[in-house]
Amino acid sequence: MSKFTIPDNAVYMCTGSKCSKRGGKDAYKAAKSFLKYQPGKNDVELIRTECTDRCDYAPVCAIQPGNIWLKEYKQKDLLKVLSEIINPL
């Protein structure tokens, strides 16, 4: 039986059609790659969603707990937030 761990943070990234066209799909891939090599990677679970119904603000990402929403973000903005979650000051 494997040991199931619950992460401290969940990042919900929309990769629906409009978000993907505006960089959401590439940002998801970058975030997945970034987390793969981080020491605190088990503290964050990256969850790909199809649509958050906030297409006017695409791409959209929600970080829980804390109810942090990123809208119209760039990859570097997302990676900065993920870095701060994993390595808080």
Protein backbone atom coordinates (compact mmCIF):
# COMPACT_ATOMS: atom_id res chain seq x y z
CA MET A 1 0.00 0.00 0.00
CA SER A 2 1.48 3.35 -1.01
CA LYS A 3 1.57 6.34 1.28
CA PHE A 4 -0.81 9.10 0.17
CA THR A 5 0.28 12.63 1.04
CA ILE A 6 -1.86 15.74 0.90
CA PRO A 7 -0.07 18.79 -0.50
CA ASP A 8 -0.17 22.11 1.35
CA ASN A 9 -1.07 24.02 -1.83
CA ALA A 10 -3.10 23.33 -4.96
CA VAL A 11 -2.64 25.29 -8.17
CA TYR A 12 -5.59 25.09 -10.57
CA MET A 13 -4.56 26.12 -14.06
CA CYS A 14 -7.08 26.61 -16.81
CA THR A 15 -6.00 25.10 -20.12
CA GLY A 16 -9.31 25.58 -21.91
CA SER A 17 -9.35 26.89 -25.47
CA LYS A 18 -9.08 30.63 -24.78
CA CYS A 19 -6.58 30.26 -21.92
CA SER A 20 -4.47 27.90 -24.04
CA LYS A 21 -4.40 30.37 -26.93
CA ARG A 22 -3.26 33.10 -24.56
CA GLY A 23 -0.43 31.07 -23.02
CA GLY A 24 -2.14 28.92 -20.41
CA LYS A 25 -1.09 25.59 -21.92
CA ASP A 26 2.56 26.65 -22.23
CA ALA A 27 2.47 28.08 -18.70
CA TYR A 28 1.13 24.76 -17.41
CA LYS A 29 3.99 22.89 -19.07
CA ALA A 30 6.53 25.37 -17.68
CA ALA A 31 5.05 25.11 -14.16
CA LYS A 32 5.05 21.31 -14.32
CA SER A 33 8.69 21.29 -15.39
CA PHE A 34 9.61 23.90 -12.76
CA LEU A 35 7.98 21.94 -9.93
CA LYS A 36 9.60 18.69 -11.02
CA TYR A 37 13.03 19.95 -9.96
CA GLN A 38 12.13 21.90 -6.81
CA PRO A 39 12.96 20.58 -3.32
CA GLY A 40 9.50 21.51 -1.99
CA LYS A 41 7.64 20.07 -4.96
CA ASN A 42 5.50 17.81 -2.76
CA ASP A 43 4.01 20.91 -1.10
CA VAL A 44 2.32 21.95 -4.37
CA GLU A 45 -0.08 19.97 -6.55
CA LEU A 46 -0.58 21.27 -10.07
CA ILE A 47 -4.10 20.60 -11.35
CA ARG A 48 -5.08 21.20 -14.96
CA THR A 49 -8.66 22.39 -15.45
CA GLU A 50 -10.61 22.68 -18.67
CA CYS A 51 -12.45 25.94 -17.94
CA THR A 52 -12.98 28.33 -15.04
CA ASP A 53 -15.55 30.41 -16.96
CA ARG A 54 -13.38 33.53 -16.71
CA CYS A 55 -12.38 33.67 -20.38
CA ASP A 56 -12.28 37.49 -20.46
CA TYR A 57 -9.23 37.33 -18.16
CA ALA A 58 -7.41 34.43 -19.88
CA PRO A 59 -5.16 32.82 -18.93
CA VAL A 60 -6.44 32.21 -15.42
CA CYS A 61 -4.90 30.36 -12.50
CA ALA A 62 -6.15 29.85 -8.93
CA ILE A 63 -3.92 28.99 -5.97
CA GLN A 64 -5.35 27.44 -2.82
CA PRO A 65 -5.33 27.95 0.11
CA GLY A 66 -5.31 31.69 0.12
CA ASN A 67 -7.70 32.08 -2.80
CA ILE A 68 -5.05 33.74 -4.97
CA TRP A 69 -6.14 34.30 -8.57
CA LEU A 70 -3.80 35.19 -11.39
CA LYS A 71 -5.34 36.66 -14.52
CA GLU A 72 -3.72 37.58 -17.81
CA TYR A 73 -0.43 36.37 -16.37
CA LYS A 74 2.85 35.55 -18.07
CA GLN A 75 4.90 32.41 -17.40
CA LYS A 76 7.48 34.36 -15.40
CA ASP A 77 4.73 35.72 -13.11
CA LEU A 78 3.44 32.21 -12.41
CA LEU A 79 6.91 30.79 -11.77
CA LYS A 80 7.64 33.64 -9.37
CA VAL A 81 4.49 32.89 -7.37
CA LEU A 82 5.27 29.16 -7.33
CA SER A 83 8.79 29.91 -6.14
CA GLU A 84 7.39 32.05 -3.31
CA ILE A 85 5.01 29.26 -2.29
CA ILE A 86 7.76 26.66 -2.19
CA ASN A 87 10.41 28.89 -0.60
CA PRO A 88 8.60 31.47 1.56
CA LEU A 89 10.75 34.20 3.10
